[in-house]
C-alpha atoms as a PDB file:
ATOM      1  CA  UNK A   1      31.873  -5.844 -61.652  1.00  0.00           C
ATOM      2  CA  UNK A   2      29.400  -6.005 -58.738  1.00  0.00           C
ATOM      3  CA  UNK A   3      25.921  -4.608 -59.284  1.00  0.00           C
ATOM      4  CA  UNK A   4      25.088  -1.801 -56.836  1.00  0.00           C
ATOM      5  CA  UNK A   5      22.276  -2.589 -54.450  1.00  0.00           C
ATOM      6  CA  UNK A   6      19.433  -0.133 -54.207  1.00  0.00           C
ATOM      7  CA  UNK A   7      18.594   1.022 -50.665  1.00  0.00           C
ATOM      8  CA  UNK A   8      14.945   0.032 -51.259  1.00  0.00           C
ATOM      9  CA  UNK A   9      15.821  -3.590 -52.055  1.00  0.00           C
ATOM     10  CA  UNK A  10      15.649  -5.007 -48.509  1.00  0.00           C
ATOM     11  CA  UNK A  11      12.016  -3.887 -48.068  1.00  0.00           C
ATOM     12  CA  UNK A  12      10.699  -7.454 -47.864  1.00  0.00           C
ATOM     13  CA  UNK A  13       9.022  -6.608 -44.549  1.00  0.00           C
ATOM     14  CA  UNK A  14       6.486  -4.402 -46.346  1.00  0.00           C
ATOM     15  CA  UNK A  15       5.585  -6.816 -49.145  1.00  0.00           C
ATOM     16  CA  UNK A  16       5.872 -10.530 -48.387  1.00  0.00           C
ATOM     17  CA  UNK A  17       7.168 -12.706 -51.246  1.00  0.00           C
ATOM     18  CA  UNK A  18       3.807 -14.438 -51.783  1.00  0.00           C
ATOM     19  CA  UNK A  19       2.863 -13.125 -55.215  1.00  0.00           C
ATOM     20  CA  UNK A  20       3.738 -16.305 -57.103  1.00  0.00           C
ATOM     21  CA  UNK A  21       2.158 -18.596 -54.487  1.00  0.00           C
ATOM     22  CA  UNK A  22      -1.002 -16.479 -54.320  1.00  0.00           C
ATOM     23  CA  UNK A  23      -1.706 -16.964 -58.027  1.00  0.00           C
ATOM     24  CA  UNK A  24      -1.987 -20.734 -57.545  1.00  0.00           C
ATOM     25  CA  UNK A  25      -2.502 -21.655 -53.878  1.00  0.00           C
ATOM     26  CA  UNK A  26      -3.434 -25.324 -54.464  1.00  0.00           C
ATOM     27  CA  UNK A  27       0.130 -26.711 -54.673  1.00  0.00           C
ATOM     28  CA  UNK A  28       0.977 -25.104 -51.309  1.00  0.00           C
ATOM     29  CA  UNK A  29      -1.866 -26.922 -49.511  1.00  0.00           C
ATOM     30  CA  UNK A  30      -1.011 -29.912 -47.309  1.00  0.00           C
ATOM     31  CA  UNK A  31      -1.503 -33.428 -48.632  1.00  0.00           C
ATOM     32  CA  UNK A  32      -3.982 -34.372 -45.889  1.00  0.00           C
ATOM     33  CA  UNK A  33      -6.628 -32.136 -47.491  1.00  0.00           C
ATOM     34  CA  UNK A  34      -8.903 -33.998 -49.913  1.00  0.00           C
ATOM     35  CA  UNK A  35      -9.300 -32.591 -53.447  1.00  0.00           C
ATOM     36  CA  UNK A  36     -12.785 -31.313 -52.579  1.00  0.00           C
ATOM     37  CA  UNK A  37     -11.246 -29.059 -49.893  1.00  0.00           C
ATOM     38  CA  UNK A  38      -9.246 -27.201 -52.549  1.00  0.00           C
ATOM     39  CA  UNK A  39     -12.517 -26.166 -54.227  1.00  0.00           C
ATOM     40  CA  UNK A  40     -13.950 -24.967 -50.906  1.00  0.00           C
ATOM     41  CA  UNK A  41     -10.832 -22.894 -50.142  1.00  0.00           C
ATOM     42  CA  UNK A  42     -11.152 -21.196 -53.528  1.00  0.00           C
ATOM     43  CA  UNK A  43     -14.805 -20.358 -52.787  1.00  0.00           C
ATOM     44  CA  UNK A  44     -13.906 -19.035 -49.322  1.00  0.00           C
ATOM     45  CA  UNK A  45     -11.240 -16.773 -50.817  1.00  0.00           C
ATOM     46  CA  UNK A  46     -13.755 -15.499 -53.411  1.00  0.00           C
ATOM     47  CA  UNK A  47     -16.494 -14.987 -50.819  1.00  0.00           C
ATOM     48  CA  UNK A  48     -18.798 -17.614 -52.350  1.00  0.00           C
ATOM     49  CA  UNK A  49     -21.270 -18.517 -53.604  1.00  0.00           C
ATOM     50  CA  UNK A  50     -21.407 -21.648 -51.463  1.00  0.00           C
ATOM     51  CA  UNK A  51     -23.357 -24.811 -52.263  1.00  0.00           C
ATOM     52  CA  UNK A  52     -24.706 -25.370 -48.731  1.00  0.00           C
ATOM     53  CA  UNK A  53     -26.853 -22.840 -46.863  1.00  0.00           C
ATOM     54  CA  UNK A  54     -24.836 -23.459 -43.667  1.00  0.00           C
ATOM     55  CA  UNK A  55     -21.534 -22.549 -45.330  1.00  0.00           C
ATOM     56  CA  UNK A  56     -20.113 -19.362 -43.871  1.00  0.00           C
ATOM     57  CA  UNK A  57     -22.152 -19.632 -40.688  1.00  0.00           C
ATOM     58  CA  UNK A  58     -20.559 -18.981 -37.307  1.00  0.00           C
ATOM     59  CA  UNK A  59     -18.868 -22.010 -35.759  1.00  0.00           C
ATOM     60  CA  UNK A  60     -19.329 -21.856 -32.010  1.00  0.00           C
ATOM     61  CA  UNK A  61     -16.346 -24.022 -30.939  1.00  0.00           C
ATOM     62  CA  UNK A  62     -18.527 -25.315 -28.079  1.00  0.00           C
ATOM     63  CA  UNK A  63     -16.262 -28.302 -27.540  1.00  0.00           C
ATOM     64  CA  UNK A  64     -13.286 -25.973 -27.121  1.00  0.00           C
ATOM     65  CA  UNK A  65     -11.009 -27.938 -29.477  1.00  0.00           C
ATOM     66  CA  UNK A  66      -9.836 -24.747 -31.200  1.00  0.00           C
ATOM     67  CA  UNK A  67      -8.162 -21.797 -29.466  1.00  0.00           C
ATOM     68  CA  UNK A  68     -10.661 -19.677 -27.511  1.00  0.00           C
ATOM     69  CA  UNK A  69     -11.864 -16.652 -29.459  1.00  0.00           C
ATOM     70  CA  UNK A  70     -14.841 -14.310 -29.293  1.00  0.00           C
ATOM     71  CA  UNK A  71     -18.071 -15.545 -30.856  1.00  0.00           C
ATOM     72  CA  UNK A  72     -18.098 -14.869 -34.575  1.00  0.00           C
ATOM     73  CA  UNK A  73     -14.351 -15.448 -35.045  1.00  0.00           C
ATOM     74  CA  UNK A  74     -14.799 -18.947 -36.524  1.00  0.00           C
ATOM     75  CA  UNK A  75     -16.868 -19.849 -39.591  1.00  0.00           C
ATOM     76  CA  UNK A  76     -17.580 -23.276 -41.034  1.00  0.00           C
ATOM     77  CA  UNK A  77     -17.725 -24.599 -44.578  1.00  0.00           C
ATOM     78  CA  UNK A  78     -18.730 -28.020 -45.895  1.00  0.00           C
ATOM     79  CA  UNK A  79     -16.188 -30.178 -47.698  1.00  0.00           C
ATOM     80  CA  UNK A  80     -18.319 -32.552 -49.770  1.00  0.00           C
ATOM     81  CA  UNK A  81     -17.706 -36.284 -49.528  1.00  0.00           C
ATOM     82  CA  UNK A  82     -18.216 -38.063 -52.864  1.00  0.00           C
ATOM     83  CA  UNK A  83     -21.027 -40.595 -52.781  1.00  0.00           C
ATOM     84  CA  UNK A  84     -22.948 -38.997 -49.898  1.00  0.00           C
ATOM     85  CA  UNK A  85     -26.326 -37.319 -50.335  1.00  0.00           C
ATOM     86  CA  UNK A  86     -25.867 -35.186 -47.193  1.00  0.00           C
ATOM     87  CA  UNK A  87     -23.178 -32.822 -45.878  1.00  0.00           C
ATOM     88  CA  UNK A  88     -21.082 -35.557 -44.288  1.00  0.00           C
ATOM     89  CA  UNK A  89     -18.468 -34.978 -41.585  1.00  0.00           C
ATOM     90  CA  UNK A  90     -15.790 -32.978 -43.403  1.00  0.00           C
ATOM     91  CA  UNK A  91     -15.462 -29.244 -42.747  1.00  0.00           C
ATOM     92  CA  UNK A  92     -13.085 -26.346 -43.075  1.00  0.00           C
ATOM     93  CA  UNK A  93     -13.194 -23.896 -40.189  1.00  0.00           C
ATOM     94  CA  UNK A  94     -11.724 -20.449 -40.688  1.00  0.00           C
ATOM     95  CA  UNK A  95     -10.784 -17.874 -38.074  1.00  0.00           C
ATOM     96  CA  UNK A  96     -11.051 -14.154 -38.747  1.00  0.00           C
ATOM     97  CA  UNK A  97     -12.550 -12.120 -41.570  1.00  0.00           C
ATOM     98  CA  UNK A  98     -10.802 -12.366 -43.959  1.00  0.00           C
ATOM     99  CA  UNK A  99      -9.610 -15.785 -42.770  1.00  0.00           C
ATOM    100  CA  UNK A 100      -6.278 -15.785 -40.939  1.00  0.00           C
ATOM    101  CA  UNK A 101      -6.570 -19.263 -39.446  1.00  0.00           C
ATOM    102  CA  UNK A 102      -7.559 -22.422 -41.310  1.00  0.00           C
ATOM    103  CA  UNK A 103      -8.548 -25.801 -39.833  1.00  0.00           C
ATOM    104  CA  UNK A 104      -9.760 -29.063 -41.344  1.00  0.00           C
ATOM    105  CA  UNK A 105     -11.831 -31.768 -39.673  1.00  0.00           C
ATOM    106  CA  UNK A 106     -12.916 -35.037 -41.241  1.00  0.00           C
ATOM    107  CA  UNK A 107     -14.678 -36.359 -38.127  1.00  0.00           C
ATOM    108  CA  UNK A 108     -17.382 -33.709 -37.543  1.00  0.00           C
ATOM    109  CA  UNK A 109     -15.430 -31.486 -35.136  1.00  0.00           C
ATOM    110  CA  UNK A 110     -13.880 -34.215 -32.962  1.00  0.00           C
ATOM    111  CA  UNK A 111     -10.378 -33.271 -34.136  1.00  0.00           C
ATOM    112  CA  UNK A 112      -8.799 -30.535 -36.248  1.00  0.00           C
ATOM    113  CA  UNK A 113      -5.644 -30.070 -38.287  1.00  0.00           C
ATOM    114  CA  UNK A 114      -4.417 -26.524 -38.806  1.00  0.00           C
ATOM    115  CA  UNK A 115      -3.056 -25.525 -42.195  1.00  0.00           C
ATOM    116  CA  UNK A 116      -1.979 -22.397 -44.031  1.00  0.00           C
ATOM    117  CA  UNK A 117      -3.220 -21.060 -47.338  1.00  0.00           C
ATOM    118  CA  UNK A 118      -0.690 -19.248 -49.523  1.00  0.00           C
ATOM    119  CA  UNK A 119      -1.637 -15.641 -50.071  1.00  0.00           C
ATOM    120  CA  UNK A 120      -4.178 -15.620 -47.221  1.00  0.00           C
ATOM    121  CA  UNK A 121      -4.254 -12.856 -44.619  1.00  0.00           C
ATOM    122  CA  UNK A 122      -2.108 -13.385 -41.533  1.00  0.00           C
END
């Protein structure tokens, strides 16, 4: 016999089905992100601590490659490049606090690829 449906069952609009994905966000990340970016995303979600003093600083978007926002919306974080003894060119840029937008650049802000992080604020 059919199982009766509770009237509260279709309440998916109040709690998005992200619980399973939020417990392990790494598999949901796009393949273009290097493994070192996964570590940075975890640190961003935890609020640090970050290995570089510049991490978490405001990214000014002076070149205008990202959507225009008020100053302070974007923050930058270093994605280490193995074998380099300096910060290199790879960064994650987040938008909002907590982050609602995520971007990756591997060419020191010349181009960006947007991506989503499972369980992140929207």
